[in-house]
PDB file of N, CA and C in Angstrom:
ATOM      1  N   UNK A   1       3.474 -21.624 -89.391  1.00  0.00           N
ATOM      2  CA  UNK A   1       4.564 -20.866 -88.795  1.00  0.00           C
ATOM      3  C   UNK A   1       4.166 -19.413 -88.581  1.00  0.00           C
ATOM      4  N   UNK A   2       3.652 -18.761 -89.617  1.00  0.00           N
ATOM      5  CA  UNK A   2       3.287 -17.348 -89.489  1.00  0.00           C
ATOM      6  C   UNK A   2       2.155 -17.185 -88.488  1.00  0.00           C
ATOM      7  N   UNK A   3       1.165 -18.069 -88.526  1.00  0.00           N
ATOM      8  CA  UNK A   3       0.053 -17.961 -87.589  1.00  0.00           C
ATOM      9  C   UNK A   3       0.514 -18.108 -86.148  1.00  0.00           C
ATOM     10  N   UNK A   4       1.435 -19.034 -85.874  1.00  0.00           N
ATOM     11  CA  UNK A   4       1.938 -19.238 -84.513  1.00  0.00           C
ATOM     12  C   UNK A   4       2.662 -17.987 -84.015  1.00  0.00           C
ATOM     13  N   UNK A   5       3.530 -17.422 -84.845  1.00  0.00           N
ATOM     14  CA  UNK A   5       4.255 -16.207 -84.468  1.00  0.00           C
ATOM     15  C   UNK A   5       3.285 -15.043 -84.288  1.00  0.00           C
ATOM     16  N   UNK A   6       2.308 -14.929 -85.176  1.00  0.00           N
ATOM     17  CA  UNK A   6       1.321 -13.854 -85.079  1.00  0.00           C
ATOM     18  C   UNK A   6       0.502 -13.986 -83.795  1.00  0.00           C
ATOM     19  N   UNK A   7       0.139 -15.210 -83.415  1.00  0.00           N
ATOM     20  CA  UNK A   7      -0.599 -15.426 -82.169  1.00  0.00           C
ATOM     21  C   UNK A   7       0.215 -14.967 -80.964  1.00  0.00           C
ATOM     22  N   UNK A   8       1.503 -15.281 -80.949  1.00  0.00           N
ATOM     23  CA  UNK A   8       2.376 -14.858 -79.851  1.00  0.00           C
ATOM     24  C   UNK A   8       2.458 -13.337 -79.782  1.00  0.00           C
ATOM     25  N   UNK A   9       2.646 -12.697 -80.929  1.00  0.00           N
ATOM     26  CA  UNK A   9       2.726 -11.236 -80.969  1.00  0.00           C
ATOM     27  C   UNK A   9       1.405 -10.605 -80.544  1.00  0.00           C
ATOM     28  N   UNK A  10       0.286 -11.188 -80.963  1.00  0.00           N
ATOM     29  CA  UNK A  10      -1.035 -10.687 -80.604  1.00  0.00           C
ATOM     30  C   UNK A  10      -1.270 -10.815 -79.102  1.00  0.00           C
ATOM     31  N   UNK A  11      -0.934 -11.968 -78.529  1.00  0.00           N
ATOM     32  CA  UNK A  11      -1.098 -12.198 -77.089  1.00  0.00           C
ATOM     33  C   UNK A  11      -0.273 -11.222 -76.259  1.00  0.00           C
ATOM     34  N   UNK A  12       0.876 -10.801 -76.784  1.00  0.00           N
ATOM     35  CA  UNK A  12       1.751  -9.878 -76.063  1.00  0.00           C
ATOM     36  C   UNK A  12       1.457  -8.413 -76.374  1.00  0.00           C
ATOM     37  N   UNK A  13       0.403  -8.155 -77.127  1.00  0.00           N
ATOM     38  CA  UNK A  13       0.009  -6.788 -77.432  1.00  0.00           C
ATOM     39  C   UNK A  13       0.934  -6.064 -78.397  1.00  0.00           C
ATOM     40  N   UNK A  14       1.710  -6.812 -79.169  1.00  0.00           N
ATOM     41  CA  UNK A  14       2.668  -6.196 -80.084  1.00  0.00           C
ATOM     42  C   UNK A  14       2.102  -5.982 -81.484  1.00  0.00           C
ATOM     43  N   UNK A  15       1.010  -6.667 -81.808  1.00  0.00           N
ATOM     44  CA  UNK A  15       0.290  -6.437 -83.057  1.00  0.00           C
ATOM     45  C   UNK A  15      -1.194  -6.455 -82.736  1.00  0.00           C
ATOM     46  N   UNK A  16      -2.020  -6.034 -83.691  1.00  0.00           N
ATOM     47  CA  UNK A  16      -3.468  -6.112 -83.513  1.00  0.00           C
ATOM     48  C   UNK A  16      -4.091  -6.615 -84.806  1.00  0.00           C
ATOM     49  N   UNK A  17      -5.263  -7.224 -84.680  1.00  0.00           N
ATOM     50  CA  UNK A  17      -5.953  -7.722 -85.860  1.00  0.00           C
ATOM     51  C   UNK A  17      -6.532  -6.551 -86.638  1.00  0.00           C
ATOM     52  N   UNK A  18      -6.518  -6.675 -87.964  1.00  0.00           N
ATOM     53  CA  UNK A  18      -7.083  -5.642 -88.817  1.00  0.00           C
ATOM     54  C   UNK A  18      -7.469  -6.253 -90.155  1.00  0.00           C
ATOM     55  N   UNK A  19      -8.253  -5.532 -90.926  1.00  0.00           N
ATOM     56  CA  UNK A  19      -8.642  -5.966 -92.260  1.00  0.00           C
ATOM     57  C   UNK A  19      -8.337  -4.815 -93.208  1.00  0.00           C
ATOM     58  N   UNK A  20      -7.386  -5.027 -94.096  1.00  0.00           N
ATOM     59  CA  UNK A  20      -6.995  -4.016 -95.074  1.00  0.00           C
ATOM     60  C   UNK A  20      -6.866  -4.681 -96.431  1.00  0.00           C
ATOM     61  N   UNK A  21      -7.118  -3.934 -97.501  1.00  0.00           N
ATOM     62  CA  UNK A  21      -7.056  -4.535 -98.835  1.00  0.00           C
ATOM     63  C   UNK A  21      -5.642  -4.810 -99.344  1.00  0.00           C
ATOM     64  N   UNK A  22      -4.640  -4.264 -98.726  1.00  0.00           N
ATOM     65  CA  UNK A  22      -3.269  -4.519 -99.184  1.00  0.00           C
ATOM     66  C   UNK A  22      -2.359  -4.718 -97.978  1.00  0.00           C
ATOM     67  N   UNK A  23      -1.241  -5.345 -98.188  1.00  0.00           N
ATOM     68  CA  UNK A  23      -0.298  -5.632 -97.114  1.00  0.00           C
ATOM     69  C   UNK A  23       1.092  -5.744 -97.700  1.00  0.00           C
ATOM     70  N   UNK A  24       2.073  -5.780 -96.828  1.00  0.00           N
ATOM     71  CA  UNK A  24       3.453  -5.974 -97.258  1.00  0.00           C
ATOM     72  C   UNK A  24       3.756  -7.467 -97.281  1.00  0.00           C
ATOM     73  N   UNK A  25       4.793  -7.837 -97.997  1.00  0.00           N
ATOM     74  CA  UNK A  25       5.199  -9.235 -98.106  1.00  0.00           C
ATOM     75  C   UNK A  25       5.769  -9.721 -96.777  1.00  0.00           C
ATOM     76  N   UNK A  26       5.452 -10.949 -96.399  1.00  0.00           N
ATOM     77  CA  UNK A  26       5.994 -11.505 -95.158  1.00  0.00           C
ATOM     78  C   UNK A  26       6.561 -12.904 -95.396  1.00  0.00           C
ATOM     79  N   UNK A  27       7.790 -12.968 -95.949  1.00  0.00           N
ATOM     80  CA  UNK A  27       8.422 -14.269 -96.194  1.00  0.00           C
ATOM     81  C   UNK A  27       8.896 -14.935 -94.901  1.00  0.00           C
ATOM     82  N   UNK A  28       8.970 -16.251 -94.927  1.00  0.00           N
ATOM     83  CA  UNK A  28       9.542 -17.027 -93.823  1.00  0.00           C
ATOM     84  C   UNK A  28      10.904 -17.515 -94.292  1.00  0.00           C
ATOM     85  N   UNK A  29      11.942 -17.242 -93.495  1.00  0.00           N
ATOM     86  CA  UNK A  29      13.306 -17.650 -93.857  1.00  0.00           C
ATOM     87  C   UNK A  29      13.892 -18.526 -92.756  1.00  0.00           C
ATOM     88  N   UNK A  30      14.891 -19.317 -93.109  1.00  0.00           N
ATOM     89  CA  UNK A  30      15.573 -20.184 -92.140  1.00  0.00           C
ATOM     90  C   UNK A  30      16.669 -19.403 -91.431  1.00  0.00           C
ATOM     91  N   UNK A  31      16.732 -19.551 -90.106  1.00  0.00           N
ATOM     92  CA  UNK A  31      17.819 -18.971 -89.332  1.00  0.00           C
ATOM     93  C   UNK A  31      19.001 -19.938 -89.354  1.00  0.00           C
ATOM     94  N   UNK A  32      20.153 -19.497 -88.867  1.00  0.00           N
ATOM     95  CA  UNK A  32      21.349 -20.346 -88.855  1.00  0.00           C
ATOM     96  C   UNK A  32      21.137 -21.633 -88.068  1.00  0.00           C
ATOM     97  N   UNK A  33      20.317 -21.568 -87.017  1.00  0.00           N
ATOM     98  CA  UNK A  33      20.070 -22.759 -86.198  1.00  0.00           C
ATOM     99  C   UNK A  33      18.925 -23.613 -86.756  1.00  0.00           C
ATOM    100  N   UNK A  34      18.497 -23.339 -87.987  1.00  0.00           N
ATOM    101  CA  UNK A  34      17.462 -24.070 -88.714  1.00  0.00           C
ATOM    102  C   UNK A  34      16.046 -23.765 -88.236  1.00  0.00           C
ATOM    103  N   UNK A  35      15.870 -22.847 -87.278  1.00  0.00           N
ATOM    104  CA  UNK A  35      14.529 -22.396 -86.902  1.00  0.00           C
ATOM    105  C   UNK A  35      13.992 -21.490 -88.004  1.00  0.00           C
ATOM    106  N   UNK A  36      12.686 -21.318 -88.036  1.00  0.00           N
ATOM    107  CA  UNK A  36      12.071 -20.402 -88.992  1.00  0.00           C
ATOM    108  C   UNK A  36      11.986 -19.007 -88.387  1.00  0.00           C
ATOM    109  N   UNK A  37      12.109 -18.003 -89.237  1.00  0.00           N
ATOM    110  CA  UNK A  37      11.944 -16.615 -88.815  1.00  0.00           C
ATOM    111  C   UNK A  37      10.964 -15.950 -89.770  1.00  0.00           C
ATOM    112  N   UNK A  38       9.916 -15.357 -89.212  1.00  0.00           N
ATOM    113  CA  UNK A  38       8.966 -14.605 -90.019  1.00  0.00           C
ATOM    114  C   UNK A  38       9.518 -13.206 -90.221  1.00  0.00           C
ATOM    115  N   UNK A  39       9.573 -12.773 -91.461  1.00  0.00           N
ATOM    116  CA  UNK A  39      10.105 -11.448 -91.788  1.00  0.00           C
ATOM    117  C   UNK A  39       9.011 -10.615 -92.449  1.00  0.00           C
ATOM    118  N   UNK A  40       9.209  -9.328 -92.469  1.00  0.00           N
ATOM    119  CA  UNK A  40       8.331  -8.421 -93.194  1.00  0.00           C
ATOM    120  C   UNK A  40       9.203  -7.676 -94.192  1.00  0.00           C
ATOM    121  N   UNK A  41       8.831  -7.708 -95.459  1.00  0.00           N
ATOM    122  CA  UNK A  41       9.603  -7.050 -96.511  1.00  0.00           C
ATOM    123  C   UNK A  41       8.985  -5.688 -96.819  1.00  0.00           C
ATOM    124  N   UNK A  42       9.646  -4.624 -96.359  1.00  0.00           N
ATOM    125  CA  UNK A  42       9.152  -3.264 -96.558  1.00  0.00           C
ATOM    126  C   UNK A  42       9.745  -2.607 -97.801  1.00  0.00           C
ATOM    127  N   UNK A  43      10.327  -3.373 -98.720  1.00  0.00           N
ATOM    128  CA  UNK A  43      10.995  -2.809 -99.892  1.00  0.00           C
ATOM    129  C   UNK A  43      10.082  -1.876-100.680  1.00  0.00           C
ATOM    130  N   UNK A  44       8.896  -2.342-101.043  1.00  0.00           N
ATOM    131  CA  UNK A  44       7.985  -1.510-101.831  1.00  0.00           C
ATOM    132  C   UNK A  44       7.461  -0.322-101.034  1.00  0.00           C
ATOM    133  N   UNK A  45       7.197  -0.511 -99.756  1.00  0.00           N
ATOM    134  CA  UNK A  45       6.759   0.590 -98.904  1.00  0.00           C
ATOM    135  C   UNK A  45       7.839   1.662 -98.820  1.00  0.00           C
ATOM    136  N   UNK A  46       9.089   1.251 -98.670  1.00  0.00           N
ATOM    137  CA  UNK A  46      10.197   2.203 -98.584  1.00  0.00           C
ATOM    138  C   UNK A  46      10.352   3.026 -99.857  1.00  0.00           C
ATOM    139  N   UNK A  47       9.976   2.465-101.004  1.00  0.00           N
ATOM    140  CA  UNK A  47      10.098   3.187-102.273  1.00  0.00           C
ATOM    141  C   UNK A  47       9.146   4.379-102.353  1.00  0.00           C
ATOM    142  N   UNK A  48       7.999   4.304-101.697  1.00  0.00           N
ATOM    143  CA  UNK A  48       7.000   5.369-101.800  1.00  0.00           C
ATOM    144  C   UNK A  48       6.912   6.258-100.559  1.00  0.00           C
ATOM    145  N   UNK A  49       7.553   5.879 -99.482  1.00  0.00           N
ATOM    146  CA  UNK A  49       7.485   6.649 -98.243  1.00  0.00           C
ATOM    147  C   UNK A  49       8.476   7.804 -98.271  1.00  0.00           C
ATOM    148  N   UNK A  50       8.176   8.865 -97.528  1.00  0.00           N
ATOM    149  CA  UNK A  50       9.080  10.010 -97.442  1.00  0.00           C
ATOM    150  C   UNK A  50      10.410   9.608 -96.825  1.00  0.00           C
ATOM    151  N   UNK A  51      11.479  10.166 -97.337  1.00  0.00           N
ATOM    152  CA  UNK A  51      12.823   9.899 -96.811  1.00  0.00           C
ATOM    153  C   UNK A  51      13.232  11.058 -95.895  1.00  0.00           C
ATOM    154  N   UNK A  52      13.751  10.739 -94.746  1.00  0.00           N
ATOM    155  CA  UNK A  52      14.253  11.744 -93.813  1.00  0.00           C
ATOM    156  C   UNK A  52      15.757  11.565 -93.696  1.00  0.00           C
ATOM    157  N   UNK A  53      16.488  12.632 -93.887  1.00  0.00           N
ATOM    158  CA  UNK A  53      17.950  12.566 -93.781  1.00  0.00           C
ATOM    159  C   UNK A  53      18.374  12.958 -92.374  1.00  0.00           C
ATOM    160  N   UNK A  54      19.112  12.097 -91.745  1.00  0.00           N
ATOM    161  CA  UNK A  54      19.705  12.423 -90.458  1.00  0.00           C
ATOM    162  C   UNK A  54      20.963  11.584 -90.309  1.00  0.00           C
ATOM    163  N   UNK A  55      22.012  12.180 -89.755  1.00  0.00           N
ATOM    164  CA  UNK A  55      23.271  11.445 -89.633  1.00  0.00           C
ATOM    165  C   UNK A  55      23.211  10.393 -88.525  1.00  0.00           C
ATOM    166  N   UNK A  56      23.786   9.254 -88.782  1.00  0.00           N
ATOM    167  CA  UNK A  56      23.913   8.214 -87.762  1.00  0.00           C
ATOM    168  C   UNK A  56      25.251   8.385 -87.057  1.00  0.00           C
ATOM    169  N   UNK A  57      25.310   8.138 -85.754  1.00  0.00           N
ATOM    170  CA  UNK A  57      26.592   8.271 -85.057  1.00  0.00           C
ATOM    171  C   UNK A  57      27.574   7.190 -85.499  1.00  0.00           C
ATOM    172  N   UNK A  58      28.833   7.520 -85.460  1.00  0.00           N
ATOM    173  CA  UNK A  58      29.873   6.530 -85.766  1.00  0.00           C
ATOM    174  C   UNK A  58      30.010   5.589 -84.574  1.00  0.00           C
ATOM    175  N   UNK A  59      30.456   4.368 -84.826  1.00  0.00           N
ATOM    176  CA  UNK A  59      30.565   3.370 -83.762  1.00  0.00           C
ATOM    177  C   UNK A  59      31.516   3.821 -82.661  1.00  0.00           C
ATOM    178  N   UNK A  60      32.613   4.512 -83.011  1.00  0.00           N
ATOM    179  CA  UNK A  60      33.542   4.965 -81.978  1.00  0.00           C
ATOM    180  C   UNK A  60      32.888   6.012 -81.077  1.00  0.00           C
ATOM    181  N   UNK A  61      31.992   6.830 -81.609  1.00  0.00           N
ATOM    182  CA  UNK A  61      31.276   7.798 -80.786  1.00  0.00           C
ATOM    183  C   UNK A  61      30.321   7.085 -79.827  1.00  0.00           C
ATOM    184  N   UNK A  62      29.693   6.031 -80.310  1.00  0.00           N
ATOM    185  CA  UNK A  62      28.768   5.281 -79.465  1.00  0.00           C
ATOM    186  C   UNK A  62      29.508   4.568 -78.334  1.00  0.00           C
ATOM    187  N   UNK A  63      30.662   3.999 -78.641  1.00  0.00           N
ATOM    188  CA  UNK A  63      31.464   3.317 -77.617  1.00  0.00           C
ATOM    189  C   UNK A  63      31.951   4.327 -76.587  1.00  0.00           C
ATOM    190  N   UNK A  64      32.459   5.466 -77.046  1.00  0.00           N
ATOM    191  CA  UNK A  64      32.935   6.506 -76.128  1.00  0.00           C
ATOM    192  C   UNK A  64      31.817   7.010 -75.216  1.00  0.00           C
ATOM    193  N   UNK A  65      30.600   7.079 -75.733  1.00  0.00           N
ATOM    194  CA  UNK A  65      29.472   7.586 -74.952  1.00  0.00           C
ATOM    195  C   UNK A  65      29.093   6.648 -73.808  1.00  0.00           C
ATOM    196  N   UNK A  66      29.508   5.384 -73.868  1.00  0.00           N
ATOM    197  CA  UNK A  66      29.178   4.433 -72.800  1.00  0.00           C
ATOM    198  C   UNK A  66      30.249   4.368 -71.716  1.00  0.00           C
ATOM    199  N   UNK A  67      31.361   5.044 -71.912  1.00  0.00           N
ATOM    200  CA  UNK A  67      32.456   5.010 -70.929  1.00  0.00           C
ATOM    201  C   UNK A  67      31.970   5.542 -69.584  1.00  0.00           C
ATOM    202  N   UNK A  68      32.340   4.845 -68.523  1.00  0.00           N
ATOM    203  CA  UNK A  68      31.996   5.276 -67.177  1.00  0.00           C
ATOM    204  C   UNK A  68      30.672   4.730 -66.660  1.00  0.00           C
ATOM    205  N   UNK A  69      29.950   4.010 -67.478  1.00  0.00           N
ATOM    206  CA  UNK A  69      28.683   3.427 -67.045  1.00  0.00           C
ATOM    207  C   UNK A  69      28.874   1.937 -66.792  1.00  0.00           C
ATOM    208  N   UNK A  70      28.215   1.414 -65.764  1.00  0.00           N
ATOM    209  CA  UNK A  70      28.378  -0.002 -65.454  1.00  0.00           C
ATOM    210  C   UNK A  70      27.229  -0.869 -65.969  1.00  0.00           C
ATOM    211  N   UNK A  71      26.188  -0.256 -66.507  1.00  0.00           N
ATOM    212  CA  UNK A  71      25.059  -1.012 -67.053  1.00  0.00           C
ATOM    213  C   UNK A  71      24.715  -0.476 -68.434  1.00  0.00           C
ATOM    214  N   UNK A  72      24.239  -1.380 -69.273  1.00  0.00           N
ATOM    215  CA  UNK A  72      23.767  -0.983 -70.594  1.00  0.00           C
ATOM    216  C   UNK A  72      22.386  -1.582 -70.808  1.00  0.00           C
ATOM    217  N   UNK A  73      21.572  -0.926 -71.589  1.00  0.00           N
ATOM    218  CA  UNK A  73      20.242  -1.411 -71.923  1.00  0.00           C
ATOM    219  C   UNK A  73      20.272  -2.038 -73.312  1.00  0.00           C
ATOM    220  N   UNK A  74      19.585  -3.137 -73.461  1.00  0.00           N
ATOM    221  CA  UNK A  74      19.517  -3.790 -74.760  1.00  0.00           C
ATOM    222  C   UNK A  74      18.134  -3.586 -75.355  1.00  0.00           C
ATOM    223  N   UNK A  75      18.086  -3.185 -76.614  1.00  0.00           N
ATOM    224  CA  UNK A  75      16.819  -2.981 -77.307  1.00  0.00           C
ATOM    225  C   UNK A  75      16.094  -4.307 -77.506  1.00  0.00           C
ATOM    226  N   UNK A  76      16.839  -5.389 -77.633  1.00  0.00           N
ATOM    227  CA  UNK A  76      16.255  -6.683 -77.944  1.00  0.00           C
ATOM    228  C   UNK A  76      15.799  -7.428 -76.696  1.00  0.00           C
ATOM    229  N   UNK A  77      14.707  -6.984 -76.093  1.00  0.00           N
ATOM    230  CA  UNK A  77      14.168  -7.709 -74.957  1.00  0.00           C
ATOM    231  C   UNK A  77      13.229  -8.819 -75.418  1.00  0.00           C
ATOM    232  N   UNK A  78      12.710  -8.690 -76.625  1.00  0.00           N
ATOM    233  CA  UNK A  78      11.843  -9.755 -77.150  1.00  0.00           C
ATOM    234  C   UNK A  78      12.277 -10.189 -78.547  1.00  0.00           C
ATOM    235  N   UNK A  79      12.268  -9.321 -79.500  1.00  0.00           N
ATOM    236  CA  UNK A  79      12.731  -9.676 -80.847  1.00  0.00           C
ATOM    237  C   UNK A  79      13.137  -8.427 -81.613  1.00  0.00           C
ATOM    238  N   UNK A  80      13.973  -7.636 -81.054  1.00  0.00           N
ATOM    239  CA  UNK A  80      14.501  -6.413 -81.652  1.00  0.00           C
ATOM    240  C   UNK A  80      13.429  -5.426 -82.075  1.00  0.00           C
ATOM    241  N   UNK A  81      12.733  -5.728 -83.144  1.00  0.00           N
ATOM    242  CA  UNK A  81      11.813  -4.791 -83.776  1.00  0.00           C
ATOM    243  C   UNK A  81      10.538  -4.538 -82.983  1.00  0.00           C
ATOM    244  N   UNK A  82      10.273  -5.283 -81.949  1.00  0.00           N
ATOM    245  CA  UNK A  82       9.019  -5.140 -81.211  1.00  0.00           C
ATOM    246  C   UNK A  82       9.059  -4.090 -80.113  1.00  0.00           C
ATOM    247  N   UNK A  83      10.125  -3.347 -79.990  1.00  0.00           N
ATOM    248  CA  UNK A  83      10.281  -2.461 -78.858  1.00  0.00           C
ATOM    249  C   UNK A  83       9.789  -1.038 -79.086  1.00  0.00           C
ATOM    250  N   UNK A  84       9.665  -0.620 -80.333  1.00  0.00           N
ATOM    251  CA  UNK A  84       9.313   0.763 -80.623  1.00  0.00           C
ATOM    252  C   UNK A  84       7.953   0.789 -81.314  1.00  0.00           C
ATOM    253  N   UNK A  85       6.922   1.348 -80.657  1.00  0.00           N
ATOM    254  CA  UNK A  85       5.596   1.368 -81.283  1.00  0.00           C
ATOM    255  C   UNK A  85       5.554   2.311 -82.485  1.00  0.00           C
ATOM    256  N   UNK A  86       4.737   1.960 -83.464  1.00  0.00           N
ATOM    257  CA  UNK A  86       4.555   2.804 -84.643  1.00  0.00           C
ATOM    258  C   UNK A  86       3.542   3.901 -84.345  1.00  0.00           C
ATOM    259  N   UNK A  87       3.695   5.037 -85.023  1.00  0.00           N
ATOM    260  CA  UNK A  87       2.664   6.060 -84.958  1.00  0.00           C
ATOM    261  C   UNK A  87       1.374   5.449 -85.488  1.00  0.00           C
ATOM    262  N   UNK A  88       0.256   5.797 -84.879  1.00  0.00           N
ATOM    263  CA  UNK A  88      -1.023   5.199 -85.261  1.00  0.00           C
ATOM    264  C   UNK A  88      -1.323   5.387 -86.751  1.00  0.00           C
ATOM    265  N   UNK A  89      -1.037   6.577 -87.298  1.00  0.00           N
ATOM    266  CA  UNK A  89      -1.338   6.830 -88.712  1.00  0.00           C
ATOM    267  C   UNK A  89      -0.443   6.027 -89.657  1.00  0.00           C
ATOM    268  N   UNK A  90       0.671   5.483 -89.171  1.00  0.00           N
ATOM    269  CA  UNK A  90       1.563   4.668 -90.003  1.00  0.00           C
ATOM    270  C   UNK A  90       1.238   3.176 -89.939  1.00  0.00           C
ATOM    271  N   UNK A  91       0.430   2.767 -88.988  1.00  0.00           N
ATOM    272  CA  UNK A  91       0.169   1.348 -88.781  1.00  0.00           C
ATOM    273  C   UNK A  91      -0.514   0.685 -89.969  1.00  0.00           C
ATOM    274  N   UNK A  92      -1.359   1.405 -90.701  1.00  0.00           N
ATOM    275  CA  UNK A  92      -2.058   0.795 -91.838  1.00  0.00           C
ATOM    276  C   UNK A  92      -1.099   0.393 -92.949  1.00  0.00           C
ATOM    277  N   UNK A  93       0.075   0.999 -92.989  1.00  0.00           N
ATOM    278  CA  UNK A  93       1.049   0.694 -94.040  1.00  0.00           C
ATOM    279  C   UNK A  93       1.881  -0.549 -93.732  1.00  0.00           C
ATOM    280  N   UNK A  94       1.712  -1.129 -92.559  1.00  0.00           N
ATOM    281  CA  UNK A  94       2.540  -2.269 -92.165  1.00  0.00           C
ATOM    282  C   UNK A  94       1.729  -3.545 -91.948  1.00  0.00           C
ATOM    283  N   UNK A  95       0.508  -3.591 -92.456  1.00  0.00           N
ATOM    284  CA  UNK A  95      -0.325  -4.785 -92.307  1.00  0.00           C
ATOM    285  C   UNK A  95       0.314  -5.966 -93.037  1.00  0.00           C
ATOM    286  N   UNK A  96       0.153  -7.158 -92.485  1.00  0.00           N
ATOM    287  CA  UNK A  96       0.660  -8.366 -93.135  1.00  0.00           C
ATOM    288  C   UNK A  96      -0.399  -9.453 -93.039  1.00  0.00           C
ATOM    289  N   UNK A  97      -0.319 -10.412 -93.923  1.00  0.00           N
ATOM    290  CA  UNK A  97      -1.330 -11.468 -93.998  1.00  0.00           C
ATOM    291  C   UNK A  97      -0.815 -12.734 -93.310  1.00  0.00           C
ATOM    292  N   UNK A  98      -1.727 -13.462 -92.649  1.00  0.00           N
ATOM    293  CA  UNK A  98      -1.330 -14.693 -91.959  1.00  0.00           C
ATOM    294  C   UNK A  98      -2.028 -15.923 -92.516  1.00  0.00           C
ATOM    295  N   UNK A  99      -2.933 -15.772 -93.426  1.00  0.00           N
ATOM    296  CA  UNK A  99      -3.654 -16.935 -93.971  1.00  0.00           C
ATOM    297  C   UNK A  99      -3.546 -16.988 -95.474  1.00  0.00           C
TER     298      UNK A  99
END
């Protein structure tokens, strides 16, 4: 399962092969429709990474900001998390194992 998903991501240029001595956990969980979903658990990484404080907008502000527009863009064109590239210096912290 993980290898198949990794191959798809690699073919689409969303990940790259690398060799690192450590990686984050990548559990496979069942979705509601019984398909498998490969996840990455950043819990331990989040414990040691710098925290940045910034306020998130309230949902009513976000809804109001869309008034008057006839089109909206969706972040999830492939699988939500694949749309925003990581800074190159942060990529080593997100390695995961497939074998």
